């Protein structure tokens, strides 16, 4: 088994009252249903609240 690693930097989106991360379509062929992934989140910037 070959481990593939991708690093993406994303802004957190909002869907209703939930915060979500949208995965780029280019990774769709690597992220098929039932694929097990390791997801690590590093917070790089926190927005200023108005």
C-alpha atoms as a PDB file:
ATOM      1  CA  UNK A   1       0.000   0.000   0.000  1.00  0.00           C
ATOM      2  CA  UNK A   2       1.347   3.418  -0.977  1.00  0.00           C
ATOM      3  CA  UNK A   3       0.537   6.342   1.279  1.00  0.00           C
ATOM      4  CA  UNK A   4      -0.333   9.505  -0.625  1.00  0.00           C
ATOM      5  CA  UNK A   5      -0.111  12.837   1.128  1.00  0.00           C
ATOM      6  CA  UNK A   6      -1.724  16.108   0.092  1.00  0.00           C
ATOM      7  CA  UNK A   7      -1.400  19.443   1.873  1.00  0.00           C
ATOM      8  CA  UNK A   8      -4.135  22.021   1.241  1.00  0.00           C
ATOM      9  CA  UNK A   9      -4.763  25.374   2.878  1.00  0.00           C
ATOM     10  CA  UNK A  10      -8.442  26.310   3.093  1.00  0.00           C
ATOM     11  CA  UNK A  11     -10.734  28.846   4.681  1.00  0.00           C
ATOM     12  CA  UNK A  12     -13.493  27.279   6.725  1.00  0.00           C
ATOM     13  CA  UNK A  13     -16.834  27.684   4.956  1.00  0.00           C
ATOM     14  CA  UNK A  14     -20.263  27.950   6.537  1.00  0.00           C
ATOM     15  CA  UNK A  15     -23.211  25.712   5.704  1.00  0.00           C
ATOM     16  CA  UNK A  16     -26.203  26.807   7.749  1.00  0.00           C
ATOM     17  CA  UNK A  17     -24.987  26.864  11.338  1.00  0.00           C
ATOM     18  CA  UNK A  18     -22.102  24.440  10.712  1.00  0.00           C
ATOM     19  CA  UNK A  19     -18.499  25.194   9.796  1.00  0.00           C
ATOM     20  CA  UNK A  20     -17.289  22.952   6.957  1.00  0.00           C
ATOM     21  CA  UNK A  21     -14.143  22.236   4.972  1.00  0.00           C
ATOM     22  CA  UNK A  22     -14.697  21.817   1.237  1.00  0.00           C
ATOM     23  CA  UNK A  23     -12.330  19.310  -0.364  1.00  0.00           C
ATOM     24  CA  UNK A  24     -11.013  20.324  -3.801  1.00  0.00           C
ATOM     25  CA  UNK A  25     -12.554  18.383  -6.688  1.00  0.00           C
ATOM     26  CA  UNK A  26      -9.082  17.468  -7.962  1.00  0.00           C
ATOM     27  CA  UNK A  27      -8.766  15.094  -4.969  1.00  0.00           C
ATOM     28  CA  UNK A  28     -12.075  13.361  -5.729  1.00  0.00           C
ATOM     29  CA  UNK A  29     -10.424  10.370  -7.436  1.00  0.00           C
ATOM     30  CA  UNK A  30      -8.288   9.780  -4.313  1.00  0.00           C
ATOM     31  CA  UNK A  31     -11.117  10.197  -1.784  1.00  0.00           C
ATOM     32  CA  UNK A  32     -13.675   7.591  -2.770  1.00  0.00           C
ATOM     33  CA  UNK A  33     -16.346   6.465  -0.281  1.00  0.00           C
ATOM     34  CA  UNK A  34     -15.002   4.199   2.481  1.00  0.00           C
ATOM     35  CA  UNK A  35     -11.471   5.591   2.043  1.00  0.00           C
ATOM     36  CA  UNK A  36      -9.800   6.041   5.431  1.00  0.00           C
ATOM     37  CA  UNK A  37      -7.904   9.323   5.806  1.00  0.00           C
ATOM     38  CA  UNK A  38      -5.969  11.101   8.536  1.00  0.00           C
ATOM     39  CA  UNK A  39      -7.051  14.719   8.900  1.00  0.00           C
ATOM     40  CA  UNK A  40      -4.891  17.123  10.913  1.00  0.00           C
ATOM     41  CA  UNK A  41      -6.048  20.713  11.427  1.00  0.00           C
ATOM     42  CA  UNK A  42      -3.557  23.490  12.183  1.00  0.00           C
ATOM     43  CA  UNK A  43      -5.197  26.872  12.816  1.00  0.00           C
ATOM     44  CA  UNK A  44      -3.130  29.444  10.911  1.00  0.00           C
ATOM     45  CA  UNK A  45      -5.277  32.528  11.392  1.00  0.00           C
ATOM     46  CA  UNK A  46      -8.312  33.396  13.494  1.00  0.00           C
ATOM     47  CA  UNK A  47     -10.676  36.016  11.996  1.00  0.00           C
ATOM     48  CA  UNK A  48     -11.434  39.177  13.964  1.00  0.00           C
ATOM     49  CA  UNK A  49     -15.034  39.154  15.204  1.00  0.00           C
ATOM     50  CA  UNK A  50     -17.037  42.304  14.375  1.00  0.00           C
END
